[in-house]
């Protein structure tokens, strides 16, 4: 028997997050609100992901009570730099060239808002990319247009399938939602 939760609002347009919740047999509906995703200087990658996820949840604070709002933010960090979503095709190519042949970290901050309480947590995964050719990078960016993805790639797409040697940590965290942690936290809340 599936665990039953109160109505869940997923505040994300990410088709990957939606698919992960469906695979978990969790009922939800999508509600979107525009949120400024800027953050203060000096935060660690984990703090940035948590800060933005909490900001997204705060936009719903006055609107919900008996529903659970689930928000998330995923960022990629390498060599002290935060790689968000690319601003252009060339920017996406530059990001992937930076990741090529190196290890980077993926952080997903999650916030669950329920009855005025904010439950914030994050997950961290290490991703090992093999050295990619410029042609592999360019053809991936042109074909998949990864402009909505932190670090300019989707692990579940071709670049992940041909380029990622291994990961330490949660695969679903790299996709955009650490499902095991989300499920455990939802169970604790109800």
N, C-alpha and C. Protein backbone atom coordinates (compact mmCIF):
# COMPACT_ATOMS: atom_id res chain seq x y z
N UNK A 1 0.85 -1.19 0.00
CA UNK A 1 0.00 0.00 0.00
C UNK A 1 0.88 1.25 0.00
N UNK A 2 0.52 2.21 -0.82
CA UNK A 2 1.29 3.45 -0.91
C UNK A 2 1.03 4.33 0.31
N UNK A 3 2.06 5.00 0.74
CA UNK A 3 1.95 5.99 1.82
C UNK A 3 1.06 7.13 1.34
N UNK A 4 0.12 7.54 2.14
CA UNK A 4 -0.77 8.65 1.78
C UNK A 4 -0.31 9.91 2.50
N UNK A 5 -0.22 10.98 1.75
CA UNK A 5 0.17 12.28 2.29
C UNK A 5 -0.95 13.27 2.01
N UNK A 6 -0.98 14.39 2.76
CA UNK A 6 -1.91 15.46 2.38
C UNK A 6 -1.60 15.90 0.93
N UNK A 7 -2.53 16.66 0.36
CA UNK A 7 -2.31 17.17 -1.00
C UNK A 7 -0.94 17.84 -1.08
N UNK A 8 -0.17 17.48 -2.09
CA UNK A 8 1.15 18.07 -2.28
C UNK A 8 1.11 19.00 -3.47
N UNK A 9 1.63 20.19 -3.24
CA UNK A 9 1.82 21.16 -4.32
C UNK A 9 3.29 21.15 -4.67
N UNK A 10 3.60 20.81 -5.90
CA UNK A 10 4.97 20.89 -6.39
C UNK A 10 5.13 22.25 -7.05
N UNK A 11 5.95 23.09 -6.46
CA UNK A 11 6.19 24.43 -6.99
C UNK A 11 7.42 24.39 -7.90
N UNK A 12 7.29 23.66 -9.00
CA UNK A 12 8.40 23.49 -9.92
C UNK A 12 7.86 23.16 -11.30
N UNK A 13 8.42 23.81 -12.32
CA UNK A 13 8.03 23.46 -13.68
C UNK A 13 8.93 22.36 -14.25
N UNK A 14 9.86 21.86 -13.46
CA UNK A 14 10.79 20.84 -13.92
C UNK A 14 10.06 19.54 -14.26
N UNK A 15 10.10 19.12 -15.52
CA UNK A 15 9.49 17.83 -15.86
C UNK A 15 10.19 16.66 -15.17
N UNK A 16 11.45 16.83 -14.83
CA UNK A 16 12.20 15.76 -14.16
C UNK A 16 11.68 15.58 -12.73
N UNK A 17 11.46 16.66 -12.02
CA UNK A 17 10.91 16.54 -10.66
C UNK A 17 9.50 15.95 -10.69
N UNK A 18 8.72 16.37 -11.66
CA UNK A 18 7.37 15.83 -11.79
C UNK A 18 7.42 14.33 -12.05
N UNK A 19 8.30 13.90 -12.94
CA UNK A 19 8.42 12.48 -13.26
C UNK A 19 8.88 11.67 -12.05
N UNK A 20 9.82 12.21 -11.28
CA UNK A 20 10.30 11.49 -10.10
C UNK A 20 9.17 11.29 -9.08
N UNK A 21 8.36 12.32 -8.85
CA UNK A 21 7.24 12.16 -7.91
C UNK A 21 6.24 11.14 -8.44
N UNK A 22 5.99 11.15 -9.74
CA UNK A 22 5.08 10.15 -10.32
C UNK A 22 5.64 8.75 -10.10
N UNK A 23 6.93 8.58 -10.33
CA UNK A 23 7.55 7.26 -10.13
C UNK A 23 7.48 6.81 -8.67
N UNK A 24 7.41 7.76 -7.75
CA UNK A 24 7.28 7.45 -6.33
C UNK A 24 5.83 7.18 -5.93
N UNK A 25 4.90 7.27 -6.89
CA UNK A 25 3.46 7.11 -6.63
C UNK A 25 2.94 8.14 -5.63
N UNK A 26 3.45 9.36 -5.75
CA UNK A 26 2.99 10.46 -4.89
C UNK A 26 2.10 11.37 -5.72
N UNK A 27 0.88 11.59 -5.22
CA UNK A 27 -0.05 12.49 -5.90
C UNK A 27 0.35 13.93 -5.62
N UNK A 28 0.29 14.75 -6.65
CA UNK A 28 0.65 16.16 -6.51
C UNK A 28 -0.01 16.95 -7.61
N UNK A 29 -0.02 18.25 -7.41
CA UNK A 29 -0.40 19.17 -8.49
C UNK A 29 0.67 20.24 -8.56
N UNK A 30 0.85 20.78 -9.74
CA UNK A 30 1.88 21.80 -9.96
C UNK A 30 1.25 23.18 -9.86
N UNK A 31 1.85 24.03 -9.05
CA UNK A 31 1.46 25.44 -8.96
C UNK A 31 2.75 26.24 -9.03
N UNK A 32 2.78 27.21 -9.91
CA UNK A 32 4.00 27.99 -10.11
C UNK A 32 3.80 29.44 -9.67
N UNK A 33 4.85 29.99 -9.08
CA UNK A 33 4.88 31.40 -8.73
C UNK A 33 6.26 31.94 -9.11
N UNK A 34 6.27 33.16 -9.59
CA UNK A 34 7.55 33.79 -9.93
C UNK A 34 8.29 34.16 -8.64
N UNK A 35 9.54 33.76 -8.56
CA UNK A 35 10.36 34.05 -7.38
C UNK A 35 11.73 34.53 -7.84
N UNK A 36 12.21 35.56 -7.19
CA UNK A 36 13.57 36.05 -7.43
C UNK A 36 14.54 35.03 -6.85
N UNK A 37 15.39 34.47 -7.69
CA UNK A 37 16.29 33.41 -7.24
C UNK A 37 17.69 33.93 -6.89
N UNK A 38 17.79 35.23 -6.62
CA UNK A 38 19.09 35.75 -6.20
C UNK A 38 19.34 35.34 -4.75
N UNK A 39 20.59 35.43 -4.33
CA UNK A 39 20.97 35.03 -2.98
C UNK A 39 22.13 35.90 -2.51
N UNK A 40 22.31 36.01 -1.19
CA UNK A 40 23.39 36.85 -0.68
C UNK A 40 24.77 36.24 -0.97
N UNK A 41 25.75 37.10 -1.07
CA UNK A 41 27.13 36.63 -1.23
C UNK A 41 27.59 35.90 0.02
N UNK A 42 28.58 35.04 -0.16
CA UNK A 42 29.22 34.38 0.97
C UNK A 42 28.59 33.08 1.42
N UNK A 43 27.53 32.64 0.74
CA UNK A 43 26.91 31.37 1.13
C UNK A 43 27.64 30.20 0.49
N UNK A 44 27.64 29.07 1.18
CA UNK A 44 28.19 27.84 0.61
C UNK A 44 27.20 27.31 -0.44
N UNK A 45 27.63 26.38 -1.28
CA UNK A 45 26.68 25.81 -2.25
C UNK A 45 25.43 25.22 -1.59
N UNK A 46 25.59 24.50 -0.50
CA UNK A 46 24.43 23.92 0.19
C UNK A 46 23.52 25.03 0.71
N UNK A 47 24.11 26.09 1.27
CA UNK A 47 23.30 27.19 1.79
C UNK A 47 22.55 27.91 0.67
N UNK A 48 23.17 28.04 -0.49
CA UNK A 48 22.50 28.68 -1.64
C UNK A 48 21.28 27.87 -2.04
N UNK A 49 21.46 26.57 -2.21
CA UNK A 49 20.34 25.71 -2.62
C UNK A 49 19.20 25.77 -1.61
N UNK A 50 19.53 25.75 -0.32
CA UNK A 50 18.51 25.83 0.73
C UNK A 50 17.84 27.21 0.75
N UNK A 51 18.62 28.26 0.58
CA UNK A 51 18.10 29.63 0.60
C UNK A 51 17.06 29.81 -0.50
N UNK A 52 17.40 29.36 -1.72
CA UNK A 52 16.48 29.55 -2.85
C UNK A 52 15.25 28.65 -2.70
N UNK A 53 15.44 27.41 -2.25
CA UNK A 53 14.28 26.53 -2.04
C UNK A 53 13.33 27.14 -1.01
N UNK A 54 13.87 27.71 0.06
CA UNK A 54 13.03 28.34 1.09
C UNK A 54 12.31 29.58 0.54
N UNK A 55 13.01 30.37 -0.28
CA UNK A 55 12.37 31.55 -0.91
C UNK A 55 11.17 31.13 -1.75
N UNK A 56 11.34 30.03 -2.48
CA UNK A 56 10.25 29.53 -3.32
C UNK A 56 9.06 29.11 -2.45
N UNK A 57 9.32 28.49 -1.31
CA UNK A 57 8.24 28.07 -0.42
C UNK A 57 7.56 29.27 0.23
N UNK A 58 8.34 30.28 0.59
CA UNK A 58 7.78 31.47 1.24
C UNK A 58 6.72 32.14 0.39
N UNK A 59 6.83 32.01 -0.93
CA UNK A 59 5.84 32.61 -1.82
C UNK A 59 4.46 32.00 -1.62
N UNK A 60 4.38 30.83 -0.98
CA UNK A 60 3.11 30.15 -0.74
C UNK A 60 2.63 30.27 0.70
N UNK A 61 3.37 30.93 1.54
CA UNK A 61 3.11 30.94 2.99
C UNK A 61 1.69 31.36 3.34
N UNK A 62 1.18 32.37 2.67
CA UNK A 62 -0.16 32.88 2.98
C UNK A 62 -1.27 32.07 2.31
N UNK A 63 -0.92 31.23 1.34
CA UNK A 63 -1.92 30.59 0.49
C UNK A 63 -2.30 29.17 0.92
N UNK A 64 -1.50 28.53 1.74
CA UNK A 64 -1.75 27.12 2.04
C UNK A 64 -1.71 26.87 3.54
N UNK A 65 -2.38 25.80 3.94
CA UNK A 65 -2.31 25.37 5.32
C UNK A 65 -2.34 23.85 5.42
N UNK A 66 -3.35 23.25 4.80
CA UNK A 66 -3.51 21.80 4.89
C UNK A 66 -2.81 21.06 3.76
N UNK A 67 -2.16 21.79 2.89
CA UNK A 67 -1.41 21.19 1.79
C UNK A 67 0.08 21.28 2.10
N UNK A 68 0.85 20.39 1.52
CA UNK A 68 2.31 20.45 1.64
C UNK A 68 2.85 21.07 0.36
N UNK A 69 3.62 22.13 0.51
CA UNK A 69 4.29 22.74 -0.64
C UNK A 69 5.71 22.18 -0.69
N UNK A 70 6.07 21.64 -1.84
CA UNK A 70 7.41 21.09 -2.05
C UNK A 70 8.13 21.97 -3.05
N UNK A 71 9.25 22.55 -2.61
CA UNK A 71 10.09 23.35 -3.51
C UNK A 71 11.50 22.78 -3.49
N UNK A 72 12.23 23.05 -4.55
CA UNK A 72 13.60 22.55 -4.64
C UNK A 72 14.42 23.47 -5.52
N UNK A 73 15.72 23.45 -5.29
CA UNK A 73 16.65 24.17 -6.14
C UNK A 73 17.93 23.35 -6.25
N UNK A 74 18.39 23.15 -7.47
CA UNK A 74 19.60 22.36 -7.71
C UNK A 74 20.68 23.26 -8.28
N UNK A 75 21.88 23.13 -7.72
CA UNK A 75 23.01 23.88 -8.24
C UNK A 75 24.20 22.95 -8.43
N UNK A 76 25.08 23.35 -9.31
CA UNK A 76 26.31 22.63 -9.59
C UNK A 76 27.46 23.50 -9.11
N UNK A 77 28.43 22.90 -8.43
CA UNK A 77 29.59 23.63 -7.93
C UNK A 77 30.86 22.91 -8.37
N UNK A 78 31.84 23.69 -8.82
CA UNK A 78 33.14 23.13 -9.19
C UNK A 78 34.21 24.19 -8.92
N UNK A 79 35.26 23.77 -8.27
CA UNK A 79 36.40 24.66 -8.00
C UNK A 79 35.96 25.99 -7.38
N UNK A 80 34.99 25.95 -6.47
CA UNK A 80 34.54 27.16 -5.80
C UNK A 80 33.58 28.02 -6.61
N UNK A 81 33.23 27.59 -7.83
CA UNK A 81 32.29 28.33 -8.66
C UNK A 81 30.92 27.67 -8.63
N UNK A 82 29.89 28.49 -8.68
CA UNK A 82 28.51 28.00 -8.78
C UNK A 82 28.11 28.09 -10.24
N UNK A 83 27.67 26.96 -10.79
CA UNK A 83 27.19 26.94 -12.18
C UNK A 83 25.67 26.79 -12.14
N UNK A 84 25.01 27.87 -12.43
CA UNK A 84 23.55 27.83 -12.49
C UNK A 84 23.09 27.43 -13.87
N UNK A 85 21.97 27.98 -14.29
CA UNK A 85 21.45 27.69 -15.62
C UNK A 85 22.20 28.58 -16.62
N UNK A 86 22.54 28.05 -17.79
CA UNK A 86 23.28 28.85 -18.76
C UNK A 86 22.44 29.97 -19.35
N UNK A 87 23.13 31.04 -19.73
CA UNK A 87 22.45 32.20 -20.29
C UNK A 87 22.40 32.17 -21.80
N UNK A 88 23.21 31.32 -22.43
CA UNK A 88 23.27 31.24 -23.88
C UNK A 88 23.88 29.89 -24.28
N UNK A 89 23.83 29.60 -25.57
CA UNK A 89 24.45 28.37 -26.07
C UNK A 89 25.94 28.35 -25.76
N UNK A 90 26.60 29.47 -26.00
CA UNK A 90 28.05 29.54 -25.74
C UNK A 90 28.36 29.36 -24.25
N UNK A 91 27.52 29.94 -23.40
CA UNK A 91 27.70 29.79 -21.96
C UNK A 91 27.54 28.33 -21.55
N UNK A 92 26.56 27.63 -22.15
CA UNK A 92 26.36 26.21 -21.86
C UNK A 92 27.60 25.40 -22.28
N UNK A 93 28.13 25.71 -23.42
CA UNK A 93 29.33 25.01 -23.91
C UNK A 93 30.51 25.26 -22.97
N UNK A 94 30.67 26.50 -22.54
CA UNK A 94 31.76 26.84 -21.60
C UNK A 94 31.62 26.06 -20.29
N UNK A 95 30.40 25.96 -19.78
CA UNK A 95 30.18 25.22 -18.53
C UNK A 95 30.58 23.76 -18.69
N UNK A 96 30.14 23.14 -19.76
CA UNK A 96 30.46 21.72 -19.97
C UNK A 96 31.95 21.51 -20.19
N UNK A 97 32.61 22.46 -20.84
CA UNK A 97 34.06 22.36 -20.99
C UNK A 97 34.75 22.43 -19.63
N UNK A 98 34.21 23.25 -18.73
CA UNK A 98 34.76 23.35 -17.37
C UNK A 98 34.56 22.05 -16.60
N UNK A 99 33.43 21.38 -16.80
CA UNK A 99 33.12 20.13 -16.10
C UNK A 99 33.87 18.94 -16.69
N UNK A 100 34.23 19.02 -17.95
CA UNK A 100 34.85 17.91 -18.66
C UNK A 100 36.15 17.45 -18.00
N UNK A 101 36.23 16.14 -17.73
CA UNK A 101 37.44 15.56 -17.15
C UNK A 101 37.63 15.83 -15.67
N UNK A 102 36.60 16.36 -15.01
CA UNK A 102 36.74 16.74 -13.60
C UNK A 102 35.59 16.18 -12.77
N UNK A 103 35.74 16.37 -11.47
CA UNK A 103 34.69 16.02 -10.50
C UNK A 103 34.00 17.31 -10.08
N UNK A 104 32.68 17.28 -10.04
CA UNK A 104 31.94 18.43 -9.51
C UNK A 104 30.90 17.93 -8.52
N UNK A 105 30.28 18.87 -7.84
CA UNK A 105 29.27 18.54 -6.84
C UNK A 105 27.92 19.08 -7.27
N UNK A 106 26.89 18.31 -6.99
CA UNK A 106 25.52 18.75 -7.24
C UNK A 106 24.81 18.80 -5.89
N UNK A 107 24.21 19.95 -5.62
CA UNK A 107 23.46 20.16 -4.39
C UNK A 107 22.00 20.43 -4.76
N UNK A 108 21.10 19.75 -4.09
CA UNK A 108 19.69 20.08 -4.23
C UNK A 108 19.16 20.42 -2.85
N UNK A 109 18.70 21.65 -2.72
CA UNK A 109 18.03 22.09 -1.51
C UNK A 109 16.54 21.85 -1.68
N UNK A 110 15.90 21.36 -0.62
CA UNK A 110 14.47 21.08 -0.66
C UNK A 110 13.82 21.77 0.54
N UNK A 111 12.63 22.31 0.32
CA UNK A 111 11.86 22.88 1.42
C UNK A 111 10.44 22.32 1.34
N UNK A 112 9.96 21.81 2.45
CA UNK A 112 8.59 21.34 2.59
C UNK A 112 7.88 22.28 3.55
N UNK A 113 6.87 22.96 3.06
CA UNK A 113 6.07 23.88 3.88
C UNK A 113 4.75 23.20 4.20
N UNK A 114 4.47 23.05 5.51
CA UNK A 114 3.22 22.41 5.94
C UNK A 114 2.77 23.03 7.25
N UNK A 115 1.56 23.57 7.23
CA UNK A 115 0.95 24.18 8.42
C UNK A 115 1.88 25.21 9.06
N UNK A 116 2.49 26.04 8.20
CA UNK A 116 3.34 27.12 8.68
C UNK A 116 4.75 26.72 9.06
N UNK A 117 5.06 25.45 9.00
CA UNK A 117 6.40 24.96 9.37
C UNK A 117 7.23 24.70 8.11
N UNK A 118 8.47 25.14 8.16
CA UNK A 118 9.40 24.94 7.04
C UNK A 118 10.39 23.83 7.40
N UNK A 119 10.38 22.79 6.62
CA UNK A 119 11.32 21.69 6.80
C UNK A 119 12.32 21.77 5.64
N UNK A 120 13.55 22.20 5.95
CA UNK A 120 14.57 22.40 4.92
C UNK A 120 15.68 21.36 5.06
N UNK A 121 16.09 20.80 3.94
CA UNK A 121 17.20 19.84 3.93
C UNK A 121 17.83 19.85 2.54
N UNK A 122 18.98 19.24 2.44
CA UNK A 122 19.65 19.18 1.13
C UNK A 122 20.36 17.85 0.98
N UNK A 123 20.75 17.59 -0.25
CA UNK A 123 21.57 16.42 -0.54
C UNK A 123 22.72 16.88 -1.43
N UNK A 124 23.80 16.12 -1.39
CA UNK A 124 25.01 16.44 -2.15
C UNK A 124 25.50 15.16 -2.84
N UNK A 125 25.81 15.28 -4.11
CA UNK A 125 26.37 14.16 -4.87
C UNK A 125 27.62 14.64 -5.61
N UNK A 126 28.59 13.75 -5.72
CA UNK A 126 29.78 14.03 -6.53
C UNK A 126 29.61 13.35 -7.88
N UNK A 127 29.91 14.09 -8.95
CA UNK A 127 29.76 13.57 -10.30
C UNK A 127 31.12 13.62 -11.00
N UNK A 128 31.50 12.49 -11.58
CA UNK A 128 32.80 12.35 -12.25
C UNK A 128 32.57 12.30 -13.76
N UNK A 129 32.97 13.36 -14.45
CA UNK A 129 32.88 13.40 -15.91
C UNK A 129 34.19 12.94 -16.53
N UNK A 130 34.10 12.11 -17.57
CA UNK A 130 35.30 11.81 -18.34
C UNK A 130 35.61 13.03 -19.20
N UNK A 131 36.75 13.04 -19.84
CA UNK A 131 37.11 14.13 -20.74
C UNK A 131 36.22 14.05 -21.97
N UNK A 132 35.48 15.11 -22.22
CA UNK A 132 34.57 15.18 -23.36
C UNK A 132 35.23 15.93 -24.51
N UNK A 133 34.94 15.54 -25.74
CA UNK A 133 35.47 16.29 -26.88
C UNK A 133 34.60 17.53 -27.09
N UNK A 134 35.18 18.53 -27.75
CA UNK A 134 34.40 19.73 -28.07
C UNK A 134 33.20 19.38 -28.94
N UNK A 135 33.35 18.41 -29.83
CA UNK A 135 32.24 17.99 -30.70
C UNK A 135 31.11 17.36 -29.88
N UNK A 136 31.46 16.52 -28.90
CA UNK A 136 30.44 15.91 -28.04
C UNK A 136 29.67 16.98 -27.28
N UNK A 137 30.39 17.95 -26.77
CA UNK A 137 29.76 19.03 -26.01
C UNK A 137 28.86 19.87 -26.91
N UNK A 138 29.38 20.31 -28.04
CA UNK A 138 28.62 21.19 -28.93
C UNK A 138 27.37 20.49 -29.46
N UNK A 139 27.50 19.24 -29.89
CA UNK A 139 26.33 18.55 -30.45
C UNK A 139 25.27 18.32 -29.36
N UNK A 140 25.71 18.04 -28.13
CA UNK A 140 24.75 17.88 -27.04
C UNK A 140 23.98 19.18 -26.79
N UNK A 141 24.71 20.29 -26.69
CA UNK A 141 24.06 21.57 -26.40
C UNK A 141 23.11 21.95 -27.53
N UNK A 142 23.53 21.75 -28.77
CA UNK A 142 22.67 22.11 -29.90
C UNK A 142 21.43 21.23 -29.97
N UNK A 143 21.57 19.94 -29.69
CA UNK A 143 20.44 19.03 -29.80
C UNK A 143 19.49 19.11 -28.61
N UNK A 144 20.04 19.20 -27.39
CA UNK A 144 19.21 19.12 -26.19
C UNK A 144 18.86 20.46 -25.56
N UNK A 145 19.54 21.54 -25.97
CA UNK A 145 19.23 22.87 -25.45
C UNK A 145 19.06 22.86 -23.92
N UNK A 146 20.13 22.58 -23.18
CA UNK A 146 20.00 22.42 -21.72
C UNK A 146 19.96 23.74 -20.94
N UNK A 147 19.19 24.70 -21.44
CA UNK A 147 19.16 26.04 -20.83
C UNK A 147 18.40 26.07 -19.51
N UNK A 148 17.65 25.03 -19.21
CA UNK A 148 16.88 25.00 -17.96
C UNK A 148 17.55 24.12 -16.91
N UNK A 149 18.84 23.78 -17.14
CA UNK A 149 19.52 22.84 -16.25
C UNK A 149 20.77 23.47 -15.62
N UNK A 150 20.87 23.35 -14.32
CA UNK A 150 22.08 23.80 -13.63
C UNK A 150 23.28 23.03 -14.19
N UNK A 151 24.36 23.74 -14.47
CA UNK A 151 25.55 23.10 -15.01
C UNK A 151 25.43 22.74 -16.47
N UNK A 152 24.31 23.03 -17.09
CA UNK A 152 24.09 22.81 -18.53
C UNK A 152 23.97 21.36 -18.95
N UNK A 153 23.58 20.48 -18.05
CA UNK A 153 23.40 19.10 -18.49
C UNK A 153 22.34 18.39 -17.67
N UNK A 154 21.79 17.34 -18.29
CA UNK A 154 20.89 16.43 -17.61
C UNK A 154 21.55 15.06 -17.56
N UNK A 155 21.72 14.53 -16.36
CA UNK A 155 22.40 13.24 -16.21
C UNK A 155 21.65 12.13 -16.94
N UNK A 156 20.33 12.28 -17.11
CA UNK A 156 19.52 11.27 -17.76
C UNK A 156 19.55 11.40 -19.28
N UNK A 157 20.22 12.42 -19.80
CA UNK A 157 20.31 12.62 -21.25
C UNK A 157 21.62 12.07 -21.79
N UNK A 158 21.80 12.18 -23.10
CA UNK A 158 22.95 11.58 -23.77
C UNK A 158 24.28 11.95 -23.12
N UNK A 159 24.47 13.21 -22.78
CA UNK A 159 25.77 13.62 -22.20
C UNK A 159 26.05 12.88 -20.90
N UNK A 160 25.02 12.65 -20.11
CA UNK A 160 25.20 11.88 -18.87
C UNK A 160 25.48 10.42 -19.14
N UNK A 161 24.80 9.88 -20.13
CA UNK A 161 24.96 8.46 -20.45
C UNK A 161 26.33 8.14 -21.05
N UNK A 162 26.89 9.08 -21.82
CA UNK A 162 28.19 8.81 -22.45
C UNK A 162 29.36 9.43 -21.70
N UNK A 163 29.07 10.41 -20.83
CA UNK A 163 30.16 11.17 -20.24
C UNK A 163 30.42 10.99 -18.76
N UNK A 164 29.41 10.51 -18.02
CA UNK A 164 29.59 10.40 -16.57
C UNK A 164 30.12 9.01 -16.24
N UNK A 165 31.33 9.01 -15.65
CA UNK A 165 31.96 7.74 -15.29
C UNK A 165 31.34 7.14 -14.04
N UNK A 166 31.04 8.00 -13.05
CA UNK A 166 30.41 7.50 -11.83
C UNK A 166 29.92 8.68 -11.00
N UNK A 167 29.09 8.35 -10.02
CA UNK A 167 28.66 9.35 -9.05
C UNK A 167 28.81 8.77 -7.66
N UNK A 168 29.10 9.62 -6.71
CA UNK A 168 29.05 9.27 -5.29
C UNK A 168 27.85 10.01 -4.72
N UNK A 169 26.87 9.26 -4.27
CA UNK A 169 25.68 9.89 -3.73
C UNK A 169 24.45 9.51 -4.54
N UNK A 170 23.41 10.27 -4.35
CA UNK A 170 22.11 9.98 -4.94
C UNK A 170 22.04 10.38 -6.40
N UNK A 171 21.64 9.43 -7.24
CA UNK A 171 21.41 9.71 -8.66
C UNK A 171 20.26 10.70 -8.81
N UNK A 172 19.14 10.47 -8.06
CA UNK A 172 17.99 11.34 -8.23
C UNK A 172 18.27 12.77 -7.76
N UNK A 173 19.23 12.92 -6.85
CA UNK A 173 19.66 14.26 -6.45
C UNK A 173 20.23 15.00 -7.65
N UNK A 174 21.02 14.30 -8.46
CA UNK A 174 21.62 14.92 -9.66
C UNK A 174 20.53 15.22 -10.69
N UNK A 175 19.51 14.38 -10.76
CA UNK A 175 18.38 14.64 -11.66
C UNK A 175 17.64 15.90 -11.21
N UNK A 176 17.58 16.14 -9.89
CA UNK A 176 16.95 17.37 -9.40
C UNK A 176 16.08 17.23 -8.17
N UNK A 177 15.99 16.00 -7.59
CA UNK A 177 15.20 15.83 -6.38
C UNK A 177 15.69 14.57 -5.66
N UNK A 178 16.25 14.73 -4.46
CA UNK A 178 16.73 13.55 -3.72
C UNK A 178 15.55 12.77 -3.15
N UNK A 179 15.02 11.87 -3.95
CA UNK A 179 13.73 11.23 -3.66
C UNK A 179 13.69 10.48 -2.33
N UNK A 180 14.74 9.78 -1.98
CA UNK A 180 14.74 9.01 -0.73
C UNK A 180 14.60 9.96 0.47
N UNK A 181 15.37 11.05 0.45
CA UNK A 181 15.27 12.02 1.56
C UNK A 181 13.91 12.70 1.57
N UNK A 182 13.39 13.04 0.40
CA UNK A 182 12.07 13.68 0.33
C UNK A 182 11.02 12.75 0.95
N UNK A 183 11.04 11.50 0.57
CA UNK A 183 10.06 10.53 1.07
C UNK A 183 10.15 10.38 2.59
N UNK A 184 11.36 10.26 3.11
CA UNK A 184 11.53 10.11 4.56
C UNK A 184 11.05 11.35 5.30
N UNK A 185 11.34 12.53 4.76
CA UNK A 185 10.89 13.77 5.43
C UNK A 185 9.37 13.93 5.35
N UNK A 186 8.77 13.54 4.23
CA UNK A 186 7.31 13.60 4.14
C UNK A 186 6.66 12.68 5.18
N UNK A 187 7.22 11.49 5.36
CA UNK A 187 6.68 10.55 6.34
C UNK A 187 6.76 11.13 7.76
N UNK A 188 7.83 11.86 8.05
CA UNK A 188 7.99 12.45 9.39
C UNK A 188 6.99 13.57 9.65
N UNK A 189 6.54 14.23 8.59
CA UNK A 189 5.70 15.42 8.74
C UNK A 189 4.23 15.09 9.02
N UNK A 190 3.80 13.90 8.61
CA UNK A 190 2.36 13.61 8.73
C UNK A 190 2.08 12.48 9.70
